[in-house]
Amino acid sequence: MTRSLFDADALISMFESATAKQGEELRKATSQATMAALQGRELTLKNIRGALKSVADAASAGAAKNVVAGIDAEDLLDKAVAGMDDALLKAVEANRTALSTLVAQGADLREKHLSKAIADLDKMEDQMFAAIKKAAEGAASPVAGAWGQLLEKMQAGGTLSGAKASATGEQLAEQMHSALRDTRAASMRAAQAMAESYTAMVSGVLLGMSEALQAGGAAPARKSARK
């Protein structure tokens, strides 16, 4: 795998100097930072959790240093959470695209490594919860308290990436069932065509045998007539 492109110092600096009007910029920056952290790693649950924690730690460190008037730590970290969720949503979509392609090519999602991939999708949201919990444990007040409140809200309402992951599992299952139905239908059509071909073949053979028998019976009759 390539080296992570995540720049923790740049993200810390951005959160440290952010104003109340820069919420959207913070969300986008966090999303990009998370994508950079993910792109440098194999997308295992462990690595996803590690990437999310690295980004959460950077946002946490920057928020703790922010002394801009009117800035609330929870508001800053809320934008960080939204950005991480955006990036995780892209990771879910990447997995969905890959799995959907495999299903279209005839792969069976009940196979061990594919069923694990589906199960891991449902666990991605848990990796974000775990990463934020760890970031909160390592932060000082009031940042730790802000993380705690955000975590409670997320666990109660869920995340966009979590909802997408659940829907993806259902969509892939339906796609596989549809593919199996199409395969069965194609097999039935092939069997029917073969049966019809067989019937025609038998009829042809039978007709040939009948004509041969008729020809065989006519020859002796003509020979007898000469006598």
C-alpha atoms as a PDB file:
ATOM      1  CA  MET A   1       0.000   0.000   0.000  1.00  0.00           C
ATOM      2  CA  THR A   2       1.102   3.590  -0.592  1.00  0.00           C
ATOM      3  CA  ARG A   3       2.086   5.907   2.209  1.00  0.00           C
ATOM      4  CA  SER A   4      -0.774   7.858   3.813  1.00  0.00           C
ATOM      5  CA  LEU A   5      -1.296  11.334   2.359  1.00  0.00           C
ATOM      6  CA  PHE A   6      -3.003  12.576   5.521  1.00  0.00           C
ATOM      7  CA  ASP A   7      -1.503  15.824   6.836  1.00  0.00           C
ATOM      8  CA  ALA A   8      -2.408  15.968  10.532  1.00  0.00           C
ATOM      9  CA  ASP A   9      -0.639  19.283  11.141  1.00  0.00           C
ATOM     10  CA  ALA A  10      -2.623  21.019   8.396  1.00  0.00           C
ATOM     11  CA  LEU A  11      -5.911  19.811   9.855  1.00  0.00           C
ATOM     12  CA  ILE A  12      -4.912  20.815  13.389  1.00  0.00           C
ATOM     13  CA  SER A  13      -3.991  24.290  12.160  1.00  0.00           C
ATOM     14  CA  MET A  14      -7.310  24.681  10.362  1.00  0.00           C
ATOM     15  CA  PHE A  15      -9.366  23.739  13.421  1.00  0.00           C
ATOM     16  CA  GLU A  16      -7.195  25.912  15.639  1.00  0.00           C
ATOM     17  CA  SER A  17      -7.915  29.055  13.622  1.00  0.00           C
ATOM     18  CA  ALA A  18     -11.454  28.274  12.420  1.00  0.00           C
ATOM     19  CA  THR A  19     -14.226  30.797  12.860  1.00  0.00           C
ATOM     20  CA  ALA A  20     -17.943  30.157  13.212  1.00  0.00           C
ATOM     21  CA  LYS A  21     -18.416  30.921   9.494  1.00  0.00           C
ATOM     22  CA  GLN A  22     -16.042  28.194   8.331  1.00  0.00           C
ATOM     23  CA  GLY A  23     -18.229  25.198   9.158  1.00  0.00           C
ATOM     24  CA  GLU A  24     -18.542  23.968   5.579  1.00  0.00           C
ATOM     25  CA  GLU A  25     -14.819  24.420   4.975  1.00  0.00           C
ATOM     26  CA  LEU A  26     -14.064  22.342   8.074  1.00  0.00           C
ATOM     27  CA  ARG A  27     -16.411  19.575   6.938  1.00  0.00           C
ATOM     28  CA  LYS A  28     -14.800  19.407   3.492  1.00  0.00           C
ATOM     29  CA  ALA A  29     -11.282  19.556   4.906  1.00  0.00           C
ATOM     30  CA  THR A  30     -12.042  16.737   7.351  1.00  0.00           C
ATOM     31  CA  SER A  31     -13.621  14.652   4.608  1.00  0.00           C
ATOM     32  CA  GLN A  32     -10.568  15.113   2.391  1.00  0.00           C
ATOM     33  CA  ALA A  33      -8.209  14.358   5.276  1.00  0.00           C
ATOM     34  CA  THR A  34     -10.114  11.152   6.065  1.00  0.00           C
ATOM     35  CA  MET A  35     -10.032  10.092   2.413  1.00  0.00           C
ATOM     36  CA  ALA A  36      -6.294  10.727   2.347  1.00  0.00           C
ATOM     37  CA  ALA A  37      -5.824   8.613   5.474  1.00  0.00           C
ATOM     38  CA  LEU A  38      -7.927   5.796   4.031  1.00  0.00           C
ATOM     39  CA  GLN A  39      -6.220   5.837   0.632  1.00  0.00           C
ATOM     40  CA  GLY A  40      -2.901   4.973   2.217  1.00  0.00           C
ATOM     41  CA  ARG A  41      -4.220   1.769   3.786  1.00  0.00           C
ATOM     42  CA  GLU A  42      -5.937  -1.469   2.961  1.00  0.00           C
ATOM     43  CA  LEU A  43      -9.627  -1.014   3.816  1.00  0.00           C
ATOM     44  CA  THR A  44      -9.786  -3.427   6.739  1.00  0.00           C
ATOM     45  CA  LEU A  45     -11.914  -2.541   9.746  1.00  0.00           C
ATOM     46  CA  LYS A  46      -8.783  -2.087  11.850  1.00  0.00           C
ATOM     47  CA  ASN A  47      -7.243   0.343   9.360  1.00  0.00           C
ATOM     48  CA  ILE A  48     -10.505   2.243   8.917  1.00  0.00           C
ATOM     49  CA  ARG A  49     -10.741   2.689  12.674  1.00  0.00           C
ATOM     50  CA  GLY A  50      -7.105   3.819  12.788  1.00  0.00           C
ATOM     51  CA  ALA A  51      -7.595   6.358   9.997  1.00  0.00           C
ATOM     52  CA  LEU A  52     -10.713   7.772  11.628  1.00  0.00           C
ATOM     53  CA  LYS A  53      -8.974   8.063  14.981  1.00  0.00           C
ATOM     54  CA  SER A  54      -6.021   9.901  13.423  1.00  0.00           C
ATOM     55  CA  VAL A  55      -8.376  12.442  11.883  1.00  0.00           C
ATOM     56  CA  ALA A  56     -10.459  12.746  15.057  1.00  0.00           C
ATOM     57  CA  ASP A  57      -7.308  13.289  17.123  1.00  0.00           C
ATOM     58  CA  ALA A  58      -6.167  16.071  14.785  1.00  0.00           C
ATOM     59  CA  ALA A  59      -9.555  17.787  14.890  1.00  0.00           C
ATOM     60  CA  SER A  60      -9.578  17.385  18.662  1.00  0.00           C
ATOM     61  CA  ALA A  61      -6.118  18.919  19.051  1.00  0.00           C
ATOM     62  CA  GLY A  62      -7.015  21.856  16.852  1.00  0.00           C
ATOM     63  CA  ALA A  63     -10.338  22.494  18.574  1.00  0.00           C
ATOM     64  CA  ALA A  64      -8.620  22.486  21.970  1.00  0.00           C
ATOM     65  CA  LYS A  65      -6.285  25.285  20.820  1.00  0.00           C
ATOM     66  CA  ASN A  66      -8.999  27.413  19.245  1.00  0.00           C
ATOM     67  CA  VAL A  67      -9.495  30.676  21.171  1.00  0.00           C
ATOM     68  CA  VAL A  68     -11.564  32.522  18.567  1.00  0.00           C
ATOM     69  CA  ALA A  69     -14.397  34.423  20.243  1.00  0.00           C
ATOM     70  CA  GLY A  70     -17.782  32.743  19.984  1.00  0.00           C
ATOM     71  CA  ILE A  71     -16.384  29.362  18.979  1.00  0.00           C
ATOM     72  CA  ASP A  72     -17.890  26.288  20.619  1.00  0.00           C
ATOM     73  CA  ALA A  73     -15.852  23.076  20.668  1.00  0.00           C
ATOM     74  CA  GLU A  74     -18.896  20.920  19.978  1.00  0.00           C
ATOM     75  CA  ASP A  75     -19.739  22.931  16.848  1.00  0.00           C
ATOM     76  CA  LEU A  76     -16.213  22.453  15.533  1.00  0.00           C
ATOM     77  CA  LEU A  77     -16.183  18.737  16.236  1.00  0.00           C
ATOM     78  CA  ASP A  78     -19.660  18.334  14.758  1.00  0.00           C
ATOM     79  CA  LYS A  79     -18.194  19.470  11.408  1.00  0.00           C
ATOM     80  CA  ALA A  80     -15.347  16.998  11.878  1.00  0.00           C
ATOM     81  CA  VAL A  81     -17.830  14.174  12.423  1.00  0.00           C
ATOM     82  CA  ALA A  82     -19.784  15.198   9.316  1.00  0.00           C
ATOM     83  CA  GLY A  83     -16.590  15.181   7.273  1.00  0.00           C
ATOM     84  CA  MET A  84     -15.531  11.760   8.515  1.00  0.00           C
ATOM     85  CA  ASP A  85     -19.012  10.443   7.777  1.00  0.00           C
ATOM     86  CA  ASP A  86     -18.792  11.820   4.221  1.00  0.00           C
ATOM     87  CA  ALA A  87     -15.522   9.988   3.660  1.00  0.00           C
ATOM     88  CA  LEU A  88     -16.799   6.773   5.195  1.00  0.00           C
ATOM     89  CA  LEU A  89     -19.832   7.026   2.923  1.00  0.00           C
ATOM     90  CA  LYS A  90     -17.458   6.996  -0.059  1.00  0.00           C
ATOM     91  CA  ALA A  91     -15.699   3.936   1.361  1.00  0.00           C
ATOM     92  CA  VAL A  92     -19.057   2.151   1.674  1.00  0.00           C
ATOM     93  CA  GLU A  93     -19.894   3.089  -1.919  1.00  0.00           C
ATOM     94  CA  ALA A  94     -16.524   1.782  -3.125  1.00  0.00           C
ATOM     95  CA  ASN A  95     -17.224  -1.536  -1.423  1.00  0.00           C
ATOM     96  CA  ARG A  96     -20.752  -1.618  -2.851  1.00  0.00           C
ATOM     97  CA  THR A  97     -19.479  -1.031  -6.380  1.00  0.00           C
ATOM     98  CA  ALA A  98     -16.864  -3.776  -6.087  1.00  0.00           C
ATOM     99  CA  LEU A  99     -19.285  -6.302  -4.582  1.00  0.00           C
ATOM    100  CA  SER A 100     -22.024  -5.431  -7.074  1.00  0.00           C
ATOM    101  CA  THR A 101     -19.602  -6.033  -9.936  1.00  0.00           C
ATOM    102  CA  LEU A 102     -18.643  -9.421  -8.519  1.00  0.00           C
ATOM    103  CA  VAL A 103     -22.308 -10.406  -8.128  1.00  0.00           C
ATOM    104  CA  ALA A 104     -23.014  -9.354 -11.718  1.00  0.00           C
ATOM    105  CA  GLN A 105     -20.171 -11.658 -12.766  1.00  0.00           C
ATOM    106  CA  GLY A 106     -21.782 -14.587 -10.957  1.00  0.00           C
ATOM    107  CA  ALA A 107     -20.101 -14.451  -7.545  1.00  0.00           C
ATOM    108  CA  ASP A 108     -22.037 -15.927  -4.626  1.00  0.00           C
ATOM    109  CA  LEU A 109     -22.195 -13.615  -1.600  1.00  0.00           C
ATOM    110  CA  ARG A 110     -22.470 -16.689   0.596  1.00  0.00           C
ATOM    111  CA  GLU A 111     -18.812 -17.452  -0.123  1.00  0.00           C
ATOM    112  CA  LYS A 112     -16.708 -16.905   2.993  1.00  0.00           C
ATOM    113  CA  HIS A 113     -14.658 -13.869   1.940  1.00  0.00           C
ATOM    114  CA  LEU A 114     -17.633 -12.121   0.343  1.00  0.00           C
ATOM    115  CA  SER A 115     -19.981 -12.756   3.258  1.00  0.00           C
ATOM    116  CA  LYS A 116     -17.275 -11.275   5.510  1.00  0.00           C
ATOM    117  CA  ALA A 117     -17.091  -8.201   3.273  1.00  0.00           C
ATOM    118  CA  ILE A 118     -20.854  -7.709   3.685  1.00  0.00           C
ATOM    119  CA  ALA A 119     -20.592  -8.156   7.452  1.00  0.00           C
ATOM    120  CA  ASP A 120     -17.720  -5.653   7.594  1.00  0.00           C
ATOM    121  CA  LEU A 121     -19.851  -3.050   5.826  1.00  0.00           C
ATOM    122  CA  ASP A 122     -22.330  -3.167   8.694  1.00  0.00           C
ATOM    123  CA  LYS A 123     -19.487  -2.669  11.167  1.00  0.00           C
ATOM    124  CA  MET A 124     -18.016   0.475   9.566  1.00  0.00           C
ATOM    125  CA  GLU A 125     -20.234   2.768  11.598  1.00  0.00           C
ATOM    126  CA  ASP A 126     -18.998   1.056  14.767  1.00  0.00           C
ATOM    127  CA  GLN A 127     -15.429   1.931  13.754  1.00  0.00           C
ATOM    128  CA  MET A 128     -16.353   5.620  13.738  1.00  0.00           C
ATOM    129  CA  PHE A 129     -17.957   5.316  17.157  1.00  0.00           C
ATOM    130  CA  ALA A 130     -14.860   3.551  18.482  1.00  0.00           C
ATOM    131  CA  ALA A 131     -12.509   6.143  16.972  1.00  0.00           C
ATOM    132  CA  ILE A 132     -14.452   9.046  18.470  1.00  0.00           C
ATOM    133  CA  LYS A 133     -14.608   7.327  21.846  1.00  0.00           C
ATOM    134  CA  LYS A 134     -10.821   6.938  21.821  1.00  0.00           C
ATOM    135  CA  ALA A 135     -10.366  10.557  20.759  1.00  0.00           C
ATOM    136  CA  ALA A 136     -12.581  11.652  23.645  1.00  0.00           C
ATOM    137  CA  GLU A 137     -10.577   9.581  26.117  1.00  0.00           C
ATOM    138  CA  GLY A 138      -7.392  11.310  25.021  1.00  0.00           C
ATOM    139  CA  ALA A 139      -8.797  14.841  25.029  1.00  0.00           C
ATOM    140  CA  ALA A 140      -8.995  17.368  27.809  1.00  0.00           C
ATOM    141  CA  SER A 141     -12.144  19.207  28.882  1.00  0.00           C
ATOM    142  CA  PRO A 142     -14.145  20.824  27.277  1.00  0.00           C
ATOM    143  CA  VAL A 143     -13.227  18.911  24.106  1.00  0.00           C
ATOM    144  CA  ALA A 144     -13.717  15.541  25.787  1.00  0.00           C
ATOM    145  CA  GLY A 145     -17.210  16.570  26.874  1.00  0.00           C
ATOM    146  CA  ALA A 146     -18.032  17.800  23.376  1.00  0.00           C
ATOM    147  CA  TRP A 147     -16.977  14.459  21.882  1.00  0.00           C
ATOM    148  CA  GLY A 148     -19.103  12.647  24.441  1.00  0.00           C
ATOM    149  CA  GLN A 149     -22.225  14.620  23.539  1.00  0.00           C
ATOM    150  CA  LEU A 150     -21.669  14.095  19.820  1.00  0.00           C
ATOM    151  CA  LEU A 151     -21.131  10.388  20.322  1.00  0.00           C
ATOM    152  CA  GLU A 152     -24.428  10.082  22.187  1.00  0.00           C
ATOM    153  CA  LYS A 153     -26.261  11.843  19.358  1.00  0.00           C
ATOM    154  CA  MET A 154     -24.617   9.661  16.718  1.00  0.00           C
ATOM    155  CA  GLN A 155     -25.373   6.428  18.498  1.00  0.00           C
ATOM    156  CA  ALA A 156     -29.001   7.486  18.938  1.00  0.00           C
ATOM    157  CA  GLY A 157     -29.571   8.732  15.384  1.00  0.00           C
ATOM    158  CA  GLY A 158     -26.993   6.793  13.396  1.00  0.00           C
ATOM    159  CA  THR A 159     -24.800   8.070  10.568  1.00  0.00           C
ATOM    160  CA  LEU A 160     -25.278   8.449   6.826  1.00  0.00           C
ATOM    161  CA  SER A 161     -22.549   5.908   6.173  1.00  0.00           C
ATOM    162  CA  GLY A 162     -24.169   3.450   8.569  1.00  0.00           C
ATOM    163  CA  ALA A 163     -27.537   3.795   6.853  1.00  0.00           C
ATOM    164  CA  LYS A 164     -25.892   3.384   3.449  1.00  0.00           C
ATOM    165  CA  ALA A 165     -24.055   0.273   4.612  1.00  0.00           C
ATOM    166  CA  SER A 166     -27.276  -1.357   5.819  1.00  0.00           C
ATOM    167  CA  ALA A 167     -29.067  -0.517   2.582  1.00  0.00           C
ATOM    168  CA  THR A 168     -26.115  -1.823   0.580  1.00  0.00           C
ATOM    169  CA  GLY A 169     -26.312  -5.237   2.226  1.00  0.00           C
ATOM    170  CA  GLU A 170     -30.001  -5.495   1.364  1.00  0.00           C
ATOM    171  CA  GLN A 171     -29.442  -4.301  -2.221  1.00  0.00           C
ATOM    172  CA  LEU A 172     -26.632  -6.788  -2.812  1.00  0.00           C
ATOM    173  CA  ALA A 173     -28.719  -9.651  -1.428  1.00  0.00           C
ATOM    174  CA  GLU A 174     -31.566  -8.726  -3.763  1.00  0.00           C
ATOM    175  CA  GLN A 175     -29.140  -8.406  -6.680  1.00  0.00           C
ATOM    176  CA  MET A 176     -27.762 -11.862  -5.989  1.00  0.00           C
ATOM    177  CA  HIS A 177     -31.257 -13.363  -5.721  1.00  0.00           C
ATOM    178  CA  SER A 178     -32.197 -11.665  -8.976  1.00  0.00           C
ATOM    179  CA  ALA A 179     -29.060 -13.008 -10.623  1.00  0.00           C
ATOM    180  CA  LEU A 180     -29.842 -16.498  -9.355  1.00  0.00           C
ATOM    181  CA  ARG A 181     -33.381 -16.219 -10.712  1.00  0.00           C
ATOM    182  CA  ASP A 182     -32.036 -15.075 -14.074  1.00  0.00           C
ATOM    183  CA  THR A 183     -29.544 -17.941 -14.069  1.00  0.00           C
ATOM    184  CA  ARG A 184     -32.264 -20.462 -13.260  1.00  0.00           C
ATOM    185  CA  ALA A 185     -34.495 -18.978 -15.948  1.00  0.00           C
ATOM    186  CA  ALA A 186     -31.662 -19.146 -18.479  1.00  0.00           C
ATOM    187  CA  SER A 187     -30.947 -22.744 -17.478  1.00  0.00           C
ATOM    188  CA  MET A 188     -34.612 -23.630 -17.880  1.00  0.00           C
ATOM    189  CA  ARG A 189     -34.711 -22.008 -21.300  1.00  0.00           C
ATOM    190  CA  ALA A 190     -31.588 -23.876 -22.303  1.00  0.00           C
ATOM    191  CA  ALA A 191     -33.043 -27.139 -21.005  1.00  0.00           C
ATOM    192  CA  GLN A 192     -36.302 -26.495 -22.852  1.00  0.00           C
ATOM    193  CA  ALA A 193     -34.442 -25.728 -26.071  1.00  0.00           C
ATOM    194  CA  MET A 194     -32.397 -28.901 -25.610  1.00  0.00           C
ATOM    195  CA  ALA A 195     -35.557 -30.907 -24.950  1.00  0.00           C
ATOM    196  CA  GLU A 196     -37.193 -29.501 -28.078  1.00  0.00           C
ATOM    197  CA  SER A 197     -34.049 -30.224 -30.062  1.00  0.00           C
ATOM    198  CA  TYR A 198     -33.958 -33.740 -28.641  1.00  0.00           C
ATOM    199  CA  THR A 199     -37.614 -34.295 -29.536  1.00  0.00           C
ATOM    200  CA  ALA A 200     -36.980 -33.093 -33.073  1.00  0.00           C
ATOM    201  CA  MET A 201     -33.903 -35.269 -33.283  1.00  0.00           C
ATOM    202  CA  VAL A 202     -35.818 -38.334 -32.097  1.00  0.00           C
ATOM    203  CA  SER A 203     -38.588 -37.594 -34.594  1.00  0.00           C
ATOM    204  CA  GLY A 204     -36.027 -37.294 -37.352  1.00  0.00           C
ATOM    205  CA  VAL A 205     -34.328 -40.524 -36.391  1.00  0.00           C
ATOM    206  CA  LEU A 206     -37.670 -42.299 -36.105  1.00  0.00           C
ATOM    207  CA  LEU A 207     -38.720 -41.006 -39.524  1.00  0.00           C
ATOM    208  CA  GLY A 208     -35.454 -42.193 -40.989  1.00  0.00           C
ATOM    209  CA  MET A 209     -35.878 -45.597 -39.417  1.00  0.00           C
ATOM    210  CA  SER A 210     -39.441 -45.796 -40.707  1.00  0.00           C
ATOM    211  CA  GLU A 211     -38.364 -44.921 -44.241  1.00  0.00           C
ATOM    212  CA  ALA A 212     -35.569 -47.447 -44.062  1.00  0.00           C
ATOM    213  CA  LEU A 213     -37.986 -50.142 -42.916  1.00  0.00           C
ATOM    214  CA  GLN A 214     -40.393 -49.292 -45.701  1.00  0.00           C
ATOM    215  CA  ALA A 215     -37.622 -49.421 -48.248  1.00  0.00           C
ATOM    216  CA  GLY A 216     -36.414 -52.700 -46.816  1.00  0.00           C
ATOM    217  CA  GLY A 217     -39.901 -54.199 -47.038  1.00  0.00           C
ATOM    218  CA  ALA A 218     -40.540 -53.078 -50.636  1.00  0.00           C
ATOM    219  CA  ALA A 219     -37.435 -54.693 -52.076  1.00  0.00           C
ATOM    220  CA  PRO A 220     -38.382 -58.312 -51.248  1.00  0.00           C
ATOM    221  CA  ALA A 221     -41.866 -57.684 -52.614  1.00  0.00           C
ATOM    222  CA  ARG A 222     -40.506 -56.675 -56.002  1.00  0.00           C
ATOM    223  CA  LYS A 223     -38.182 -59.696 -56.021  1.00  0.00           C
ATOM    224  CA  SER A 224     -41.105 -62.038 -55.373  1.00  0.00           C
ATOM    225  CA  ALA A 225     -43.068 -60.490 -58.211  1.00  0.00           C
ATOM    226  CA  ARG A 226     -40.403 -61.593 -60.719  1.00  0.00           C
ATOM    227  CA  LYS A 227     -40.974 -65.195 -59.794  1.00  0.00           C
END
